[in-house]
């Protein structure tokens, strides 16, 4: 089910469909990490069950991106 949601996000972001969605090895957390790809794009999708942890992850990701990290 979460890969369906990630595919929808990929389509929404890039207006393209991923050809492949492959699970990647995660860290020690409960998050599941996927690489989504097609001939033109590659993106990482992360699924997690803990809302507070997800919000913290998004905050840090946006903060690092604001410094081009």
PDB file of N, CA and C in Angstrom:
ATOM      1  N   UNK A   1       0.825  -1.199   0.000  1.00  0.00           N
ATOM      2  CA  UNK A   1       0.000   0.000   0.000  1.00  0.00           C
ATOM      3  C   UNK A   1       0.868   1.262   0.000  1.00  0.00           C
ATOM      4  N   UNK A   2       1.984   1.264   0.774  1.00  0.00           N
ATOM      5  CA  UNK A   2       2.787   2.490   0.815  1.00  0.00           C
ATOM      6  C   UNK A   2       3.485   2.751  -0.512  1.00  0.00           C
ATOM      7  N   UNK A   3       3.774   1.694  -1.276  1.00  0.00           N
ATOM      8  CA  UNK A   3       4.377   1.941  -2.586  1.00  0.00           C
ATOM      9  C   UNK A   3       3.382   2.613  -3.532  1.00  0.00           C
ATOM     10  N   UNK A   4       2.100   2.341  -3.349  1.00  0.00           N
ATOM     11  CA  UNK A   4       1.077   3.024  -4.151  1.00  0.00           C
ATOM     12  C   UNK A   4       1.087   4.517  -3.836  1.00  0.00           C
ATOM     13  N   UNK A   5       1.178   4.852  -2.554  1.00  0.00           N
ATOM     14  CA  UNK A   5       1.232   6.264  -2.153  1.00  0.00           C
ATOM     15  C   UNK A   5       2.500   6.924  -2.681  1.00  0.00           C
ATOM     16  N   UNK A   6       3.631   6.219  -2.625  1.00  0.00           N
ATOM     17  CA  UNK A   6       4.881   6.786  -3.134  1.00  0.00           C
ATOM     18  C   UNK A   6       4.813   6.982  -4.645  1.00  0.00           C
ATOM     19  N   UNK A   7       4.197   6.042  -5.345  1.00  0.00           N
ATOM     20  CA  UNK A   7       4.032   6.199  -6.795  1.00  0.00           C
ATOM     21  C   UNK A   7       3.184   7.425  -7.114  1.00  0.00           C
ATOM     22  N   UNK A   8       2.127   7.648  -6.351  1.00  0.00           N
ATOM     23  CA  UNK A   8       1.289   8.835  -6.555  1.00  0.00           C
ATOM     24  C   UNK A   8       2.086  10.116  -6.321  1.00  0.00           C
ATOM     25  N   UNK A   9       2.917  10.130  -5.283  1.00  0.00           N
ATOM     26  CA  UNK A   9       3.753  11.309  -5.022  1.00  0.00           C
ATOM     27  C   UNK A   9       4.739  11.552  -6.158  1.00  0.00           C
ATOM     28  N   UNK A  10       5.345  10.492  -6.668  1.00  0.00           N
ATOM     29  CA  UNK A  10       6.277  10.609  -7.788  1.00  0.00           C
ATOM     30  C   UNK A  10       5.565  11.219  -8.991  1.00  0.00           C
ATOM     31  N   UNK A  11       4.372  10.685  -9.297  1.00  0.00           N
ATOM     32  CA  UNK A  11       3.599  11.215 -10.427  1.00  0.00           C
ATOM     33  C   UNK A  11       3.221  12.672 -10.211  1.00  0.00           C
ATOM     34  N   UNK A  12       2.835  13.012  -8.994  1.00  0.00           N
ATOM     35  CA  UNK A  12       2.456  14.396  -8.677  1.00  0.00           C
ATOM     36  C   UNK A  12       3.657  15.337  -8.819  1.00  0.00           C
ATOM     37  N   UNK A  13       4.804  14.907  -8.335  1.00  0.00           N
ATOM     38  CA  UNK A  13       5.999  15.757  -8.348  1.00  0.00           C
ATOM     39  C   UNK A  13       6.570  15.934  -9.756  1.00  0.00           C
ATOM     40  N   UNK A  14       6.633  14.845 -10.526  1.00  0.00           N
ATOM     41  CA  UNK A  14       7.339  14.865 -11.810  1.00  0.00           C
ATOM     42  C   UNK A  14       6.416  14.749 -13.023  1.00  0.00           C
ATOM     43  N   UNK A  15       5.136  14.503 -12.804  1.00  0.00           N
ATOM     44  CA  UNK A  15       4.193  14.277 -13.897  1.00  0.00           C
ATOM     45  C   UNK A  15       4.651  13.122 -14.785  1.00  0.00           C
ATOM     46  N   UNK A  16       5.251  12.126 -14.155  1.00  0.00           N
ATOM     47  CA  UNK A  16       5.723  10.909 -14.813  1.00  0.00           C
ATOM     48  C   UNK A  16       5.464   9.741 -13.870  1.00  0.00           C
ATOM     49  N   UNK A  17       5.459   8.541 -14.411  1.00  0.00           N
ATOM     50  CA  UNK A  17       5.259   7.339 -13.603  1.00  0.00           C
ATOM     51  C   UNK A  17       6.598   6.641 -13.399  1.00  0.00           C
ATOM     52  N   UNK A  18       6.876   6.163 -12.189  1.00  0.00           N
ATOM     53  CA  UNK A  18       8.115   5.403 -12.003  1.00  0.00           C
ATOM     54  C   UNK A  18       7.993   4.024 -12.656  1.00  0.00           C
ATOM     55  N   UNK A  19       9.076   3.568 -13.280  1.00  0.00           N
ATOM     56  CA  UNK A  19       9.107   2.220 -13.850  1.00  0.00           C
ATOM     57  C   UNK A  19       9.419   1.181 -12.781  1.00  0.00           C
ATOM     58  N   UNK A  20      10.182   1.606 -11.780  1.00  0.00           N
ATOM     59  CA  UNK A  20      10.625   0.695 -10.730  1.00  0.00           C
ATOM     60  C   UNK A  20      10.499   1.366  -9.372  1.00  0.00           C
ATOM     61  N   UNK A  21      10.108   0.594  -8.375  1.00  0.00           N
ATOM     62  CA  UNK A  21      10.142   1.017  -6.979  1.00  0.00           C
ATOM     63  C   UNK A  21      10.806  -0.119  -6.212  1.00  0.00           C
ATOM     64  N   UNK A  22      12.035   0.114  -5.766  1.00  0.00           N
ATOM     65  CA  UNK A  22      12.811  -0.926  -5.096  1.00  0.00           C
ATOM     66  C   UNK A  22      13.094  -0.548  -3.650  1.00  0.00           C
ATOM     67  N   UNK A  23      12.903  -1.488  -2.726  1.00  0.00           N
ATOM     68  CA  UNK A  23      13.237  -1.200  -1.329  1.00  0.00           C
ATOM     69  C   UNK A  23      14.749  -1.101  -1.158  1.00  0.00           C
ATOM     70  N   UNK A  24      15.172  -0.189  -0.305  1.00  0.00           N
ATOM     71  CA  UNK A  24      16.580  -0.036   0.039  1.00  0.00           C
ATOM     72  C   UNK A  24      16.772  -0.445   1.488  1.00  0.00           C
ATOM     73  N   UNK A  25      17.992  -0.789   1.816  1.00  0.00           N
ATOM     74  CA  UNK A  25      18.293  -1.138   3.203  1.00  0.00           C
ATOM     75  C   UNK A  25      18.167   0.113   4.058  1.00  0.00           C
ATOM     76  N   UNK A  26      17.424   0.008   5.146  1.00  0.00           N
ATOM     77  CA  UNK A  26      17.196   1.153   6.019  1.00  0.00           C
ATOM     78  C   UNK A  26      18.177   1.218   7.168  1.00  0.00           C
ATOM     79  N   UNK A  27      17.948   2.197   8.023  1.00  0.00           N
ATOM     80  CA  UNK A  27      18.761   2.329   9.225  1.00  0.00           C
ATOM     81  C   UNK A  27      18.061   1.582  10.359  1.00  0.00           C
ATOM     82  N   UNK A  28      18.355   1.939  11.578  1.00  0.00           N
ATOM     83  CA  UNK A  28      17.787   1.229  12.731  1.00  0.00           C
ATOM     84  C   UNK A  28      16.360   1.667  13.056  1.00  0.00           C
ATOM     85  N   UNK A  29      15.838   2.653  12.363  1.00  0.00           N
ATOM     86  CA  UNK A  29      14.484   3.127  12.657  1.00  0.00           C
ATOM     87  C   UNK A  29      13.449   2.238  11.967  1.00  0.00           C
ATOM     88  N   UNK A  30      12.186   2.565  12.182  1.00  0.00           N
ATOM     89  CA  UNK A  30      11.090   1.825  11.557  1.00  0.00           C
ATOM     90  C   UNK A  30      10.766   2.329  10.153  1.00  0.00           C
ATOM     91  N   UNK A  31      11.502   3.328   9.672  1.00  0.00           N
ATOM     92  CA  UNK A  31      11.224   3.857   8.335  1.00  0.00           C
ATOM     93  C   UNK A  31      11.610   2.838   7.268  1.00  0.00           C
ATOM     94  N   UNK A  32      10.818   2.817   6.185  1.00  0.00           N
ATOM     95  CA  UNK A  32      11.125   2.014   5.022  1.00  0.00           C
ATOM     96  C   UNK A  32      11.515   2.956   3.891  1.00  0.00           C
ATOM     97  N   UNK A  33      12.607   2.632   3.231  1.00  0.00           N
ATOM     98  CA  UNK A  33      13.181   3.518   2.218  1.00  0.00           C
ATOM     99  C   UNK A  33      13.100   2.828   0.857  1.00  0.00           C
ATOM    100  N   UNK A  34      12.675   3.597  -0.151  1.00  0.00           N
ATOM    101  CA  UNK A  34      12.507   3.065  -1.504  1.00  0.00           C
ATOM    102  C   UNK A  34      13.177   4.000  -2.511  1.00  0.00           C
ATOM    103  N   UNK A  35      13.744   3.395  -3.562  1.00  0.00           N
ATOM    104  CA  UNK A  35      14.213   4.176  -4.715  1.00  0.00           C
ATOM    105  C   UNK A  35      13.181   4.004  -5.820  1.00  0.00           C
ATOM    106  N   UNK A  36      12.713   5.134  -6.344  1.00  0.00           N
ATOM    107  CA  UNK A  36      11.751   5.134  -7.448  1.00  0.00           C
ATOM    108  C   UNK A  36      12.463   5.689  -8.670  1.00  0.00           C
ATOM    109  N   UNK A  37      12.338   4.992  -9.801  1.00  0.00           N
ATOM    110  CA  UNK A  37      13.067   5.400 -10.997  1.00  0.00           C
ATOM    111  C   UNK A  37      12.238   5.198 -12.255  1.00  0.00           C
ATOM    112  N   UNK A  38      12.556   6.020 -13.229  1.00  0.00           N
ATOM    113  CA  UNK A  38      12.149   5.766 -14.606  1.00  0.00           C
ATOM    114  C   UNK A  38      13.333   6.173 -15.473  1.00  0.00           C
ATOM    115  N   UNK A  39      13.146   6.257 -16.764  1.00  0.00           N
ATOM    116  CA  UNK A  39      14.262   6.562 -17.662  1.00  0.00           C
ATOM    117  C   UNK A  39      14.837   7.956 -17.441  1.00  0.00           C
ATOM    118  N   UNK A  40      14.063   8.868 -16.844  1.00  0.00           N
ATOM    119  CA  UNK A  40      14.475  10.262 -16.726  1.00  0.00           C
ATOM    120  C   UNK A  40      14.765  10.717 -15.301  1.00  0.00           C
ATOM    121  N   UNK A  41      14.222  10.018 -14.319  1.00  0.00           N
ATOM    122  CA  UNK A  41      14.281  10.515 -12.944  1.00  0.00           C
ATOM    123  C   UNK A  41      14.569   9.393 -11.961  1.00  0.00           C
ATOM    124  N   UNK A  42      15.123   9.814 -10.828  1.00  0.00           N
ATOM    125  CA  UNK A  42      15.321   8.918  -9.698  1.00  0.00           C
ATOM    126  C   UNK A  42      14.989   9.705  -8.436  1.00  0.00           C
ATOM    127  N   UNK A  43      14.255   9.083  -7.536  1.00  0.00           N
ATOM    128  CA  UNK A  43      13.881   9.754  -6.290  1.00  0.00           C
ATOM    129  C   UNK A  43      13.869   8.726  -5.165  1.00  0.00           C
ATOM    130  N   UNK A  44      14.045   9.218  -3.958  1.00  0.00           N
ATOM    131  CA  UNK A  44      13.979   8.381  -2.765  1.00  0.00           C
ATOM    132  C   UNK A  44      12.673   8.684  -2.052  1.00  0.00           C
ATOM    133  N   UNK A  45      11.959   7.636  -1.679  1.00  0.00           N
ATOM    134  CA  UNK A  45      10.728   7.771  -0.902  1.00  0.00           C
ATOM    135  C   UNK A  45      10.897   7.074   0.432  1.00  0.00           C
ATOM    136  N   UNK A  46      10.380   7.681   1.467  1.00  0.00           N
ATOM    137  CA  UNK A  46      10.505   7.123   2.814  1.00  0.00           C
ATOM    138  C   UNK A  46       9.123   7.013   3.427  1.00  0.00           C
ATOM    139  N   UNK A  47       8.834   5.846   3.979  1.00  0.00           N
ATOM    140  CA  UNK A  47       7.555   5.606   4.649  1.00  0.00           C
ATOM    141  C   UNK A  47       7.835   5.289   6.112  1.00  0.00           C
ATOM    142  N   UNK A  48       7.065   5.910   6.982  1.00  0.00           N
ATOM    143  CA  UNK A  48       7.225   5.670   8.413  1.00  0.00           C
ATOM    144  C   UNK A  48       5.890   5.717   9.117  1.00  0.00           C
ATOM    145  N   UNK A  49       5.799   5.004  10.223  1.00  0.00           N
ATOM    146  CA  UNK A  49       4.536   4.898  10.953  1.00  0.00           C
ATOM    147  C   UNK A  49       4.397   5.912  12.080  1.00  0.00           C
ATOM    148  N   UNK A  50       5.489   6.563  12.482  1.00  0.00           N
ATOM    149  CA  UNK A  50       5.465   7.453  13.641  1.00  0.00           C
ATOM    150  C   UNK A  50       5.421   8.909  13.180  1.00  0.00           C
ATOM    151  N   UNK A  51       4.274   9.535  13.351  1.00  0.00           N
ATOM    152  CA  UNK A  51       4.037  10.887  12.834  1.00  0.00           C
ATOM    153  C   UNK A  51       5.071  11.900  13.337  1.00  0.00           C
ATOM    154  N   UNK A  52       5.352  11.915  14.638  1.00  0.00           N
ATOM    155  CA  UNK A  52       6.300  12.893  15.190  1.00  0.00           C
ATOM    156  C   UNK A  52       7.685  12.707  14.575  1.00  0.00           C
ATOM    157  N   UNK A  53       8.103  11.471  14.396  1.00  0.00           N
ATOM    158  CA  UNK A  53       9.399  11.200  13.774  1.00  0.00           C
ATOM    159  C   UNK A  53       9.398  11.657  12.319  1.00  0.00           C
ATOM    160  N   UNK A  54       8.294  11.424  11.618  1.00  0.00           N
ATOM    161  CA  UNK A  54       8.180  11.862  10.221  1.00  0.00           C
ATOM    162  C   UNK A  54       8.264  13.380  10.112  1.00  0.00           C
ATOM    163  N   UNK A  55       7.573  14.081  11.011  1.00  0.00           N
ATOM    164  CA  UNK A  55       7.595  15.548  10.989  1.00  0.00           C
ATOM    165  C   UNK A  55       8.991  16.080  11.287  1.00  0.00           C
ATOM    166  N   UNK A  56       9.701  15.452  12.224  1.00  0.00           N
ATOM    167  CA  UNK A  56      11.077  15.865  12.524  1.00  0.00           C
ATOM    168  C   UNK A  56      11.971  15.630  11.309  1.00  0.00           C
ATOM    169  N   UNK A  57      11.810  14.495  10.643  1.00  0.00           N
ATOM    170  CA  UNK A  57      12.596  14.183   9.457  1.00  0.00           C
ATOM    171  C   UNK A  57      12.358  15.216   8.359  1.00  0.00           C
ATOM    172  N   UNK A  58      11.109  15.580   8.142  1.00  0.00           N
ATOM    173  CA  UNK A  58      10.772  16.583   7.125  1.00  0.00           C
ATOM    174  C   UNK A  58      11.377  17.933   7.489  1.00  0.00           C
ATOM    175  N   UNK A  59      11.284  18.320   8.752  1.00  0.00           N
ATOM    176  CA  UNK A  59      11.843  19.597   9.195  1.00  0.00           C
ATOM    177  C   UNK A  59      13.345  19.645   8.930  1.00  0.00           C
ATOM    178  N   UNK A  60      14.074  18.610   9.360  1.00  0.00           N
ATOM    179  CA  UNK A  60      15.521  18.601   9.154  1.00  0.00           C
ATOM    180  C   UNK A  60      15.867  18.573   7.671  1.00  0.00           C
ATOM    181  N   UNK A  61      15.113  17.819   6.877  1.00  0.00           N
ATOM    182  CA  UNK A  61      15.365  17.764   5.437  1.00  0.00           C
ATOM    183  C   UNK A  61      15.202  19.137   4.796  1.00  0.00           C
ATOM    184  N   UNK A  62      14.153  19.855   5.175  1.00  0.00           N
ATOM    185  CA  UNK A  62      13.928  21.199   4.632  1.00  0.00           C
ATOM    186  C   UNK A  62      15.009  22.166   5.107  1.00  0.00           C
ATOM    187  N   UNK A  63      15.416  22.035   6.359  1.00  0.00           N
ATOM    188  CA  UNK A  63      16.462  22.905   6.903  1.00  0.00           C
ATOM    189  C   UNK A  63      17.773  22.687   6.143  1.00  0.00           C
ATOM    190  N   UNK A  64      18.170  21.427   5.954  1.00  0.00           N
ATOM    191  CA  UNK A  64      19.400  21.137   5.223  1.00  0.00           C
ATOM    192  C   UNK A  64      19.297  21.612   3.778  1.00  0.00           C
ATOM    193  N   UNK A  65      18.142  21.426   3.158  1.00  0.00           N
ATOM    194  CA  UNK A  65      17.955  21.865   1.770  1.00  0.00           C
ATOM    195  C   UNK A  65      18.083  23.380   1.646  1.00  0.00           C
ATOM    196  N   UNK A  66      17.664  24.109   2.678  1.00  0.00           N
ATOM    197  CA  UNK A  66      17.774  25.573   2.626  1.00  0.00           C
ATOM    198  C   UNK A  66      19.235  26.025   2.599  1.00  0.00           C
ATOM    199  N   UNK A  67      20.151  25.144   3.039  1.00  0.00           N
ATOM    200  CA  UNK A  67      21.587  25.420   2.986  1.00  0.00           C
ATOM    201  C   UNK A  67      22.257  24.652   1.848  1.00  0.00           C
ATOM    202  N   UNK A  68      21.431  24.118   0.952  1.00  0.00           N
ATOM    203  CA  UNK A  68      21.905  23.364  -0.219  1.00  0.00           C
ATOM    204  C   UNK A  68      22.754  22.168   0.191  1.00  0.00           C
ATOM    205  N   UNK A  69      22.374  21.542   1.296  1.00  0.00           N
ATOM    206  CA  UNK A  69      23.079  20.338   1.753  1.00  0.00           C
ATOM    207  C   UNK A  69      22.324  19.094   1.367  1.00  0.00           C
TER     208      UNK A  69
END
